[in-house]
Amino acid sequence: MEDVHEIFTRFKKDFPKIYAAYEALGQEIHERSGPLDERVRWLLKIAVSAASGHTVALETHIKKGKEAGLNDGEIMHALLMLIQTVGFPRFMGAYRVFKELR
């Protein structure tokens, strides 16, 4: 997948060894460290990035989740679950990101 954000492309170019280590850790955790299937892993990443207010990560995770087969209804359900846990304002920020990507 092409980088979602140009700054990440620049980071990879400026710090190739750090990126390689970061990528290897990500693959180990995401792909080999447990029994969750790919779609569930992306839903979790969407929820965590949304709850944390990390909109750049949220954009990336939504796009990668869709590539893994998530549909808009599944993503929206994960985002709606934020309301009672981290609050309506945090949900609205994530909802804005979701709607802007469509």
N, C-alpha and C. Protein backbone atom coordinates (compact mmCIF):
# COMPACT_ATOMS: atom_id res chain seq x y z
N MET A 1 0.84 -1.18 0.00
CA MET A 1 0.00 0.00 0.00
C MET A 1 0.88 1.25 0.00
N GLU A 2 0.47 2.20 -0.76
CA GLU A 2 1.17 3.48 -0.79
C GLU A 2 0.95 4.19 0.55
N ASP A 3 1.95 4.93 1.00
CA ASP A 3 1.81 5.67 2.26
C ASP A 3 0.64 6.63 2.18
N VAL A 4 -0.14 6.68 3.24
CA VAL A 4 -1.29 7.58 3.30
C VAL A 4 -0.84 9.02 3.49
N HIS A 5 0.22 9.20 4.26
CA HIS A 5 0.70 10.54 4.60
C HIS A 5 2.14 10.73 4.12
N GLU A 6 2.37 11.82 3.43
CA GLU A 6 3.67 12.12 2.85
C GLU A 6 4.76 12.20 3.92
N ILE A 7 4.43 12.63 5.10
CA ILE A 7 5.43 12.75 6.17
C ILE A 7 6.00 11.38 6.54
N PHE A 8 5.17 10.35 6.43
CA PHE A 8 5.65 8.99 6.72
C PHE A 8 6.64 8.54 5.65
N THR A 9 6.39 8.89 4.41
CA THR A 9 7.32 8.58 3.32
C THR A 9 8.66 9.26 3.58
N ARG A 10 8.60 10.51 4.03
CA ARG A 10 9.84 11.24 4.33
C ARG A 10 10.58 10.60 5.51
N PHE A 11 9.84 10.18 6.54
CA PHE A 11 10.46 9.51 7.68
C PHE A 11 11.20 8.26 7.22
N LYS A 12 10.57 7.45 6.38
CA LYS A 12 11.20 6.22 5.90
C LYS A 12 12.49 6.51 5.14
N LYS A 13 12.49 7.59 4.36
CA LYS A 13 13.68 7.96 3.60
C LYS A 13 14.78 8.49 4.51
N ASP A 14 14.40 9.31 5.48
CA ASP A 14 15.39 9.94 6.37
C ASP A 14 15.97 8.97 7.40
N PHE A 15 15.18 7.97 7.80
CA PHE A 15 15.61 7.05 8.87
C PHE A 15 15.32 5.59 8.47
N PRO A 16 15.99 5.08 7.45
CA PRO A 16 15.67 3.74 6.96
C PRO A 16 15.88 2.61 7.97
N LYS A 17 16.89 2.70 8.80
CA LYS A 17 17.13 1.63 9.79
C LYS A 17 16.05 1.65 10.87
N ILE A 18 15.69 2.84 11.32
CA ILE A 18 14.64 2.94 12.35
C ILE A 18 13.32 2.47 11.77
N TYR A 19 13.03 2.85 10.52
CA TYR A 19 11.79 2.40 9.89
C TYR A 19 11.77 0.88 9.76
N ALA A 20 12.87 0.28 9.35
CA ALA A 20 12.94 -1.17 9.19
C ALA A 20 12.63 -1.88 10.52
N ALA A 21 13.20 -1.38 11.61
CA ALA A 21 12.93 -1.96 12.93
C ALA A 21 11.48 -1.76 13.33
N TYR A 22 10.95 -0.58 13.07
CA TYR A 22 9.56 -0.26 13.37
C TYR A 22 8.62 -1.18 12.58
N GLU A 23 8.90 -1.35 11.31
CA GLU A 23 8.08 -2.19 10.44
C GLU A 23 8.13 -3.65 10.89
N ALA A 24 9.30 -4.13 11.25
CA ALA A 24 9.44 -5.52 11.71
C ALA A 24 8.65 -5.74 13.00
N LEU A 25 8.72 -4.80 13.93
CA LEU A 25 7.95 -4.91 15.16
C LEU A 25 6.45 -4.91 14.86
N GLY A 26 6.03 -4.01 13.99
CA GLY A 26 4.62 -3.95 13.61
C GLY A 26 4.13 -5.25 13.01
N GLN A 27 4.92 -5.84 12.12
CA GLN A 27 4.53 -7.11 11.51
C GLN A 27 4.47 -8.22 12.54
N GLU A 28 5.42 -8.25 13.44
CA GLU A 28 5.42 -9.28 14.49
C GLU A 28 4.17 -9.18 15.35
N ILE A 29 3.84 -7.98 15.79
CA ILE A 29 2.67 -7.79 16.65
C ILE A 29 1.38 -8.02 15.88
N HIS A 30 1.26 -7.40 14.72
CA HIS A 30 0.00 -7.42 13.97
C HIS A 30 -0.28 -8.79 13.35
N GLU A 31 0.73 -9.46 12.84
CA GLU A 31 0.50 -10.65 12.04
C GLU A 31 0.81 -11.97 12.75
N ARG A 32 1.69 -11.98 13.74
CA ARG A 32 2.15 -13.26 14.28
C ARG A 32 2.02 -13.44 15.79
N SER A 33 1.50 -12.46 16.49
CA SER A 33 1.54 -12.53 17.96
C SER A 33 0.25 -12.99 18.62
N GLY A 34 -0.73 -13.41 17.85
CA GLY A 34 -1.96 -13.84 18.48
C GLY A 34 -2.96 -14.39 17.48
N PRO A 35 -4.12 -14.81 18.01
CA PRO A 35 -5.10 -15.51 17.18
C PRO A 35 -6.11 -14.63 16.43
N LEU A 36 -6.07 -13.32 16.62
CA LEU A 36 -7.08 -12.47 15.99
C LEU A 36 -6.90 -12.43 14.48
N ASP A 37 -8.02 -12.51 13.76
CA ASP A 37 -7.92 -12.43 12.31
C ASP A 37 -7.67 -10.98 11.88
N GLU A 38 -7.31 -10.82 10.61
CA GLU A 38 -6.89 -9.51 10.12
C GLU A 38 -7.96 -8.44 10.27
N ARG A 39 -9.21 -8.77 9.98
CA ARG A 39 -10.28 -7.78 10.07
C ARG A 39 -10.46 -7.29 11.51
N VAL A 40 -10.41 -8.20 12.47
CA VAL A 40 -10.54 -7.83 13.88
C VAL A 40 -9.36 -6.96 14.30
N ARG A 41 -8.18 -7.30 13.85
CA ARG A 41 -7.00 -6.49 14.19
C ARG A 41 -7.15 -5.07 13.69
N TRP A 42 -7.66 -4.89 12.46
CA TRP A 42 -7.84 -3.53 11.94
C TRP A 42 -8.95 -2.79 12.67
N LEU A 43 -10.01 -3.49 13.05
CA LEU A 43 -11.05 -2.82 13.85
C LEU A 43 -10.48 -2.33 15.17
N LEU A 44 -9.63 -3.15 15.80
CA LEU A 44 -9.01 -2.72 17.05
C LEU A 44 -8.10 -1.52 16.83
N LYS A 45 -7.33 -1.54 15.77
CA LYS A 45 -6.45 -0.40 15.49
C LYS A 45 -7.26 0.87 15.21
N ILE A 46 -8.37 0.72 14.51
CA ILE A 46 -9.25 1.86 14.26
C ILE A 46 -9.77 2.40 15.59
N ALA A 47 -10.27 1.52 16.45
CA ALA A 47 -10.83 1.96 17.74
C ALA A 47 -9.77 2.60 18.63
N VAL A 48 -8.60 2.01 18.69
CA VAL A 48 -7.54 2.56 19.55
C VAL A 48 -7.08 3.92 19.04
N SER A 49 -6.86 4.04 17.74
CA SER A 49 -6.40 5.33 17.22
C SER A 49 -7.49 6.39 17.37
N ALA A 50 -8.75 6.01 17.19
CA ALA A 50 -9.85 6.96 17.37
C ALA A 50 -9.97 7.38 18.83
N ALA A 51 -9.91 6.42 19.74
CA ALA A 51 -10.04 6.72 21.17
C ALA A 51 -8.88 7.58 21.66
N SER A 52 -7.73 7.40 21.05
CA SER A 52 -6.54 8.15 21.45
C SER A 52 -6.48 9.53 20.81
N GLY A 53 -7.34 9.77 19.84
CA GLY A 53 -7.34 11.05 19.15
C GLY A 53 -6.23 11.19 18.13
N HIS A 54 -5.68 10.09 17.67
CA HIS A 54 -4.59 10.11 16.68
C HIS A 54 -5.18 10.04 15.28
N THR A 55 -5.54 11.20 14.74
CA THR A 55 -6.26 11.23 13.48
C THR A 55 -5.43 10.74 12.30
N VAL A 56 -4.14 10.98 12.31
CA VAL A 56 -3.29 10.50 11.21
C VAL A 56 -3.30 8.98 11.20
N ALA A 57 -3.13 8.37 12.37
CA ALA A 57 -3.19 6.91 12.46
C ALA A 57 -4.58 6.40 12.10
N LEU A 58 -5.60 7.10 12.54
CA LEU A 58 -6.97 6.69 12.24
C LEU A 58 -7.21 6.65 10.73
N GLU A 59 -6.78 7.67 10.02
CA GLU A 59 -6.93 7.67 8.55
C GLU A 59 -6.25 6.45 7.94
N THR A 60 -5.04 6.19 8.36
CA THR A 60 -4.29 5.05 7.84
C THR A 60 -5.00 3.74 8.17
N HIS A 61 -5.45 3.59 9.40
CA HIS A 61 -6.06 2.33 9.82
C HIS A 61 -7.41 2.10 9.13
N ILE A 62 -8.16 3.15 8.91
CA ILE A 62 -9.42 3.00 8.17
C ILE A 62 -9.14 2.53 6.75
N LYS A 63 -8.17 3.14 6.09
CA LYS A 63 -7.85 2.75 4.71
C LYS A 63 -7.34 1.31 4.65
N LYS A 64 -6.46 0.95 5.56
CA LYS A 64 -5.94 -0.42 5.56
C LYS A 64 -7.02 -1.42 5.97
N GLY A 65 -7.90 -1.02 6.88
CA GLY A 65 -9.01 -1.89 7.26
C GLY A 65 -9.93 -2.17 6.09
N LYS A 66 -10.21 -1.15 5.31
CA LYS A 66 -11.05 -1.35 4.11
C LYS A 66 -10.36 -2.27 3.12
N GLU A 67 -9.05 -2.13 2.97
CA GLU A 67 -8.31 -3.03 2.08
C GLU A 67 -8.38 -4.47 2.58
N ALA A 68 -8.51 -4.64 3.89
CA ALA A 68 -8.61 -5.98 4.48
C ALA A 68 -10.04 -6.51 4.45
N GLY A 69 -10.97 -5.72 3.92
CA GLY A 69 -12.34 -6.20 3.77
C GLY A 69 -13.37 -5.62 4.71
N LEU A 70 -12.98 -4.69 5.58
CA LEU A 70 -13.97 -4.06 6.44
C LEU A 70 -14.91 -3.19 5.62
N ASN A 71 -16.17 -3.16 6.01
CA ASN A 71 -17.11 -2.27 5.32
C ASN A 71 -17.41 -1.07 6.22
N ASP A 72 -18.07 -0.09 5.64
CA ASP A 72 -18.35 1.15 6.37
C ASP A 72 -19.19 0.90 7.63
N GLY A 73 -20.12 -0.04 7.55
CA GLY A 73 -20.96 -0.33 8.71
C GLY A 73 -20.16 -0.88 9.88
N GLU A 74 -19.20 -1.74 9.61
CA GLU A 74 -18.36 -2.30 10.66
C GLU A 74 -17.48 -1.22 11.29
N ILE A 75 -16.92 -0.37 10.45
CA ILE A 75 -16.07 0.71 10.95
C ILE A 75 -16.90 1.68 11.78
N MET A 76 -18.08 2.04 11.29
CA MET A 76 -18.94 2.97 12.03
C MET A 76 -19.35 2.38 13.37
N HIS A 77 -19.64 1.08 13.41
CA HIS A 77 -20.01 0.45 14.68
C HIS A 77 -18.86 0.57 15.69
N ALA A 78 -17.64 0.33 15.22
CA ALA A 78 -16.48 0.46 16.10
C ALA A 78 -16.36 1.90 16.61
N LEU A 79 -16.60 2.87 15.73
CA LEU A 79 -16.50 4.28 16.15
C LEU A 79 -17.62 4.65 17.11
N LEU A 80 -18.83 4.17 16.87
CA LEU A 80 -19.95 4.48 17.77
C LEU A 80 -19.68 3.98 19.19
N MET A 81 -18.93 2.91 19.30
CA MET A 81 -18.62 2.36 20.62
C MET A 81 -17.75 3.30 21.45
N LEU A 82 -17.17 4.29 20.81
CA LEU A 82 -16.36 5.28 21.54
C LEU A 82 -17.22 6.15 22.46
N ILE A 83 -18.46 6.39 22.07
CA ILE A 83 -19.28 7.39 22.74
C ILE A 83 -19.35 7.16 24.24
N GLN A 84 -19.67 5.96 24.67
CA GLN A 84 -19.82 5.71 26.10
C GLN A 84 -18.51 5.44 26.82
N THR A 85 -17.44 5.21 26.06
CA THR A 85 -16.16 4.92 26.69
C THR A 85 -15.27 6.16 26.83
N VAL A 86 -15.10 6.90 25.74
CA VAL A 86 -14.21 8.06 25.78
C VAL A 86 -14.94 9.37 25.52
N GLY A 87 -16.24 9.29 25.22
CA GLY A 87 -17.04 10.50 25.11
C GLY A 87 -17.43 10.90 23.70
N PHE A 88 -18.48 11.69 23.64
CA PHE A 88 -19.03 12.15 22.38
C PHE A 88 -18.08 13.03 21.57
N PRO A 89 -17.35 13.96 22.22
CA PRO A 89 -16.43 14.79 21.43
C PRO A 89 -15.35 13.96 20.72
N ARG A 90 -14.81 12.94 21.39
CA ARG A 90 -13.79 12.10 20.76
C ARG A 90 -14.40 11.33 19.59
N PHE A 91 -15.63 10.83 19.80
CA PHE A 91 -16.34 10.16 18.70
C PHE A 91 -16.49 11.10 17.51
N MET A 92 -16.92 12.33 17.77
CA MET A 92 -17.17 13.27 16.68
C MET A 92 -15.89 13.54 15.89
N GLY A 93 -14.76 13.61 16.55
CA GLY A 93 -13.49 13.78 15.84
C GLY A 93 -13.21 12.60 14.92
N ALA A 94 -13.44 11.40 15.42
CA ALA A 94 -13.23 10.20 14.62
C ALA A 94 -14.26 10.11 13.49
N TYR A 95 -15.49 10.49 13.78
CA TYR A 95 -16.56 10.48 12.79
C TYR A 95 -16.22 11.43 11.64
N ARG A 96 -15.67 12.59 11.96
CA ARG A 96 -15.26 13.56 10.94
C ARG A 96 -14.21 12.94 10.02
N VAL A 97 -13.21 12.29 10.61
CA VAL A 97 -12.16 11.65 9.81
C VAL A 97 -12.78 10.59 8.90
N PHE A 98 -13.65 9.78 9.45
CA PHE A 98 -14.30 8.71 8.68
C PHE A 98 -15.08 9.30 7.49
N LYS A 99 -15.87 10.32 7.75
CA LYS A 99 -16.70 10.92 6.70
C LYS A 99 -15.84 11.60 5.63
N GLU A 100 -14.74 12.22 6.03
CA GLU A 100 -13.86 12.88 5.06
C GLU A 100 -13.16 11.90 4.14
N LEU A 101 -12.99 10.66 4.59
CA LEU A 101 -12.32 9.64 3.77
C LEU A 101 -13.25 9.02 2.74
N ARG A 102 -14.53 9.19 2.90
CA ARG A 102 -15.50 8.53 2.01
C ARG A 102 -15.66 9.23 0.71
